[in-house]
Amino acid sequence: METDHQAKIRRANLFRWLTDKSLTKSDLARRLGKTRGYITNLQTRHFGERAARSIEEALFLPRGFLDLA
């Protein structure tokens, strides 16, 4: 079962990656083929396993990258 703690780690890692790459939420949305609203929702709502793996794949990140504490 997914936990809020896991979602917080995923959020932190995704938005740290975004900052490190000097990208905006809009840039990320385009890379993922999603809306900016979807990206905003990742910041405030459930960020599950399926979303994490899909994002990693789309961004060519290693599987499990977003889960690293």
N, C-alpha and C. Protein backbone atom coordinates (compact mmCIF):
# COMPACT_ATOMS: atom_id res chain seq x y z
N MET A 1 0.83 -1.19 0.00
CA MET A 1 0.00 0.00 0.00
C MET A 1 0.88 1.25 0.00
N GLU A 2 0.51 2.22 -0.81
CA GLU A 2 1.24 3.47 -0.90
C GLU A 2 1.02 4.28 0.38
N THR A 3 2.05 5.00 0.77
CA THR A 3 1.93 5.85 1.95
C THR A 3 2.15 7.30 1.58
N ASP A 4 1.67 8.17 2.45
CA ASP A 4 1.88 9.60 2.24
C ASP A 4 3.37 9.92 2.27
N HIS A 5 4.12 9.18 3.07
CA HIS A 5 5.57 9.37 3.15
C HIS A 5 6.22 9.11 1.78
N GLN A 6 5.80 8.03 1.11
CA GLN A 6 6.33 7.72 -0.22
C GLN A 6 5.99 8.82 -1.21
N ALA A 7 4.77 9.32 -1.14
CA ALA A 7 4.35 10.40 -2.04
C ALA A 7 5.20 11.65 -1.81
N LYS A 8 5.51 11.95 -0.56
CA LYS A 8 6.33 13.13 -0.25
C LYS A 8 7.73 12.98 -0.82
N ILE A 9 8.29 11.78 -0.72
CA ILE A 9 9.62 11.52 -1.28
C ILE A 9 9.59 11.68 -2.80
N ARG A 10 8.57 11.12 -3.44
CA ARG A 10 8.45 11.24 -4.90
C ARG A 10 8.33 12.69 -5.32
N ARG A 11 7.49 13.44 -4.63
CA ARG A 11 7.33 14.87 -4.94
C ARG A 11 8.66 15.61 -4.82
N ALA A 12 9.33 15.39 -3.69
CA ALA A 12 10.60 16.07 -3.45
C ALA A 12 11.61 15.74 -4.54
N ASN A 13 11.71 14.48 -4.91
CA ASN A 13 12.67 14.07 -5.93
C ASN A 13 12.31 14.62 -7.30
N LEU A 14 11.04 14.58 -7.65
CA LEU A 14 10.63 15.10 -8.95
C LEU A 14 10.89 16.60 -9.06
N PHE A 15 10.50 17.35 -8.05
CA PHE A 15 10.66 18.80 -8.14
C PHE A 15 12.10 19.24 -7.92
N ARG A 16 12.90 18.43 -7.24
CA ARG A 16 14.35 18.70 -7.16
C ARG A 16 14.97 18.49 -8.55
N TRP A 17 14.56 17.39 -9.22
CA TRP A 17 15.05 17.13 -10.58
C TRP A 17 14.67 18.29 -11.50
N LEU A 18 13.44 18.74 -11.38
CA LEU A 18 12.93 19.85 -12.20
C LEU A 18 13.78 21.10 -11.98
N THR A 19 14.07 21.42 -10.74
CA THR A 19 14.89 22.58 -10.41
C THR A 19 16.31 22.41 -10.93
N ASP A 20 16.88 21.21 -10.74
CA ASP A 20 18.24 20.94 -11.21
C ASP A 20 18.37 21.12 -12.71
N LYS A 21 17.31 20.81 -13.44
CA LYS A 21 17.31 20.92 -14.90
C LYS A 21 16.83 22.30 -15.37
N SER A 22 16.52 23.19 -14.43
CA SER A 22 16.02 24.54 -14.72
C SER A 22 14.79 24.49 -15.62
N LEU A 23 13.88 23.58 -15.31
CA LEU A 23 12.65 23.43 -16.07
C LEU A 23 11.46 23.95 -15.25
N THR A 24 10.43 24.36 -15.96
CA THR A 24 9.20 24.81 -15.31
C THR A 24 8.20 23.65 -15.27
N LYS A 25 7.12 23.86 -14.55
CA LYS A 25 6.04 22.86 -14.54
C LYS A 25 5.48 22.68 -15.94
N SER A 26 5.41 23.75 -16.69
CA SER A 26 4.92 23.66 -18.07
C SER A 26 5.86 22.83 -18.94
N ASP A 27 7.16 23.01 -18.75
CA ASP A 27 8.14 22.19 -19.47
C ASP A 27 7.95 20.72 -19.13
N LEU A 28 7.79 20.44 -17.85
CA LEU A 28 7.59 19.06 -17.41
C LEU A 28 6.32 18.48 -18.01
N ALA A 29 5.25 19.24 -17.99
CA ALA A 29 3.98 18.78 -18.55
C ALA A 29 4.15 18.40 -20.02
N ARG A 30 4.84 19.24 -20.78
CA ARG A 30 5.07 18.95 -22.20
C ARG A 30 5.87 17.66 -22.38
N ARG A 31 6.91 17.48 -21.57
CA ARG A 31 7.73 16.27 -21.68
C ARG A 31 6.93 15.01 -21.35
N LEU A 32 5.97 15.15 -20.45
CA LEU A 32 5.16 14.00 -20.04
C LEU A 32 3.92 13.82 -20.90
N GLY A 33 3.61 14.81 -21.73
CA GLY A 33 2.38 14.76 -22.51
C GLY A 33 1.15 14.91 -21.64
N LYS A 34 1.29 15.70 -20.58
CA LYS A 34 0.20 15.94 -19.61
C LYS A 34 -0.09 17.43 -19.55
N THR A 35 -1.13 17.78 -18.82
CA THR A 35 -1.45 19.19 -18.62
C THR A 35 -0.66 19.74 -17.43
N ARG A 36 -0.55 21.05 -17.38
CA ARG A 36 0.10 21.68 -16.23
C ARG A 36 -0.69 21.39 -14.95
N GLY A 37 -2.01 21.27 -15.10
CA GLY A 37 -2.85 20.93 -13.95
C GLY A 37 -2.50 19.57 -13.37
N TYR A 38 -2.15 18.62 -14.23
CA TYR A 38 -1.72 17.30 -13.75
C TYR A 38 -0.48 17.43 -12.88
N ILE A 39 0.46 18.25 -13.33
CA ILE A 39 1.69 18.46 -12.56
C ILE A 39 1.38 19.11 -11.22
N THR A 40 0.51 20.09 -11.22
CA THR A 40 0.11 20.74 -9.98
C THR A 40 -0.54 19.73 -9.03
N ASN A 41 -1.36 18.85 -9.58
CA ASN A 41 -2.00 17.83 -8.74
C ASN A 41 -0.98 16.89 -8.10
N LEU A 42 0.12 16.62 -8.79
CA LEU A 42 1.16 15.77 -8.19
C LEU A 42 1.72 16.40 -6.92
N GLN A 43 1.68 17.72 -6.86
CA GLN A 43 2.20 18.43 -5.70
C GLN A 43 1.26 18.36 -4.50
N THR A 44 -0.02 18.15 -4.76
CA THR A 44 -0.98 18.27 -3.67
C THR A 44 -1.81 17.02 -3.42
N ARG A 45 -1.81 16.09 -4.35
CA ARG A 45 -2.65 14.90 -4.22
C ARG A 45 -1.82 13.65 -4.26
N HIS A 46 -2.49 12.54 -4.37
CA HIS A 46 -1.84 11.24 -4.40
C HIS A 46 -0.82 11.15 -5.53
N PHE A 47 0.36 10.61 -5.21
CA PHE A 47 1.43 10.42 -6.19
C PHE A 47 1.83 8.96 -6.08
N GLY A 48 1.12 8.11 -6.81
CA GLY A 48 1.27 6.67 -6.66
C GLY A 48 2.36 6.04 -7.50
N GLU A 49 2.46 4.74 -7.32
CA GLU A 49 3.46 3.91 -8.00
C GLU A 49 3.35 4.03 -9.52
N ARG A 50 2.15 3.91 -10.04
CA ARG A 50 1.97 3.95 -11.50
C ARG A 50 2.42 5.29 -12.08
N ALA A 51 2.04 6.38 -11.43
CA ALA A 51 2.46 7.70 -11.90
C ALA A 51 3.98 7.85 -11.83
N ALA A 52 4.57 7.38 -10.74
CA ALA A 52 6.03 7.49 -10.57
C ALA A 52 6.76 6.75 -11.67
N ARG A 53 6.36 5.51 -11.94
CA ARG A 53 7.04 4.72 -12.96
C ARG A 53 6.85 5.32 -14.35
N SER A 54 5.66 5.83 -14.62
CA SER A 54 5.37 6.45 -15.91
C SER A 54 6.24 7.70 -16.13
N ILE A 55 6.36 8.50 -15.10
CA ILE A 55 7.18 9.71 -15.17
C ILE A 55 8.65 9.35 -15.36
N GLU A 56 9.13 8.38 -14.60
CA GLU A 56 10.52 7.95 -14.76
C GLU A 56 10.79 7.49 -16.19
N GLU A 57 9.89 6.72 -16.73
CA GLU A 57 10.07 6.23 -18.10
C GLU A 57 10.08 7.39 -19.11
N ALA A 58 9.15 8.32 -18.97
CA ALA A 58 9.05 9.44 -19.90
C ALA A 58 10.28 10.36 -19.84
N LEU A 59 10.88 10.45 -18.65
CA LEU A 59 12.04 11.34 -18.46
C LEU A 59 13.37 10.60 -18.57
N PHE A 60 13.31 9.31 -18.93
CA PHE A 60 14.50 8.47 -19.06
C PHE A 60 15.31 8.41 -17.76
N LEU A 61 14.58 8.33 -16.65
CA LEU A 61 15.20 8.18 -15.34
C LEU A 61 15.22 6.70 -14.98
N PRO A 62 16.17 6.29 -14.17
CA PRO A 62 16.19 4.88 -13.75
C PRO A 62 14.93 4.53 -12.97
N ARG A 63 14.45 3.31 -13.17
CA ARG A 63 13.28 2.84 -12.43
C ARG A 63 13.56 2.93 -10.92
N GLY A 64 12.65 3.54 -10.19
CA GLY A 64 12.81 3.71 -8.74
C GLY A 64 13.48 5.02 -8.35
N PHE A 65 13.93 5.80 -9.32
CA PHE A 65 14.60 7.07 -9.04
C PHE A 65 13.78 7.97 -8.14
N LEU A 66 12.49 8.07 -8.40
CA LEU A 66 11.65 8.98 -7.62
C LEU A 66 11.41 8.49 -6.20
N ASP A 67 11.72 7.23 -5.92
CA ASP A 67 11.49 6.66 -4.60
C ASP A 67 12.72 6.74 -3.69
N LEU A 68 13.84 7.20 -4.22
CA LEU A 68 15.07 7.24 -3.42
C LEU A 68 14.98 8.29 -2.33
N ALA A 69 15.20 7.85 -1.11
CA ALA A 69 15.14 8.78 0.04
C ALA A 69 16.46 9.47 0.23
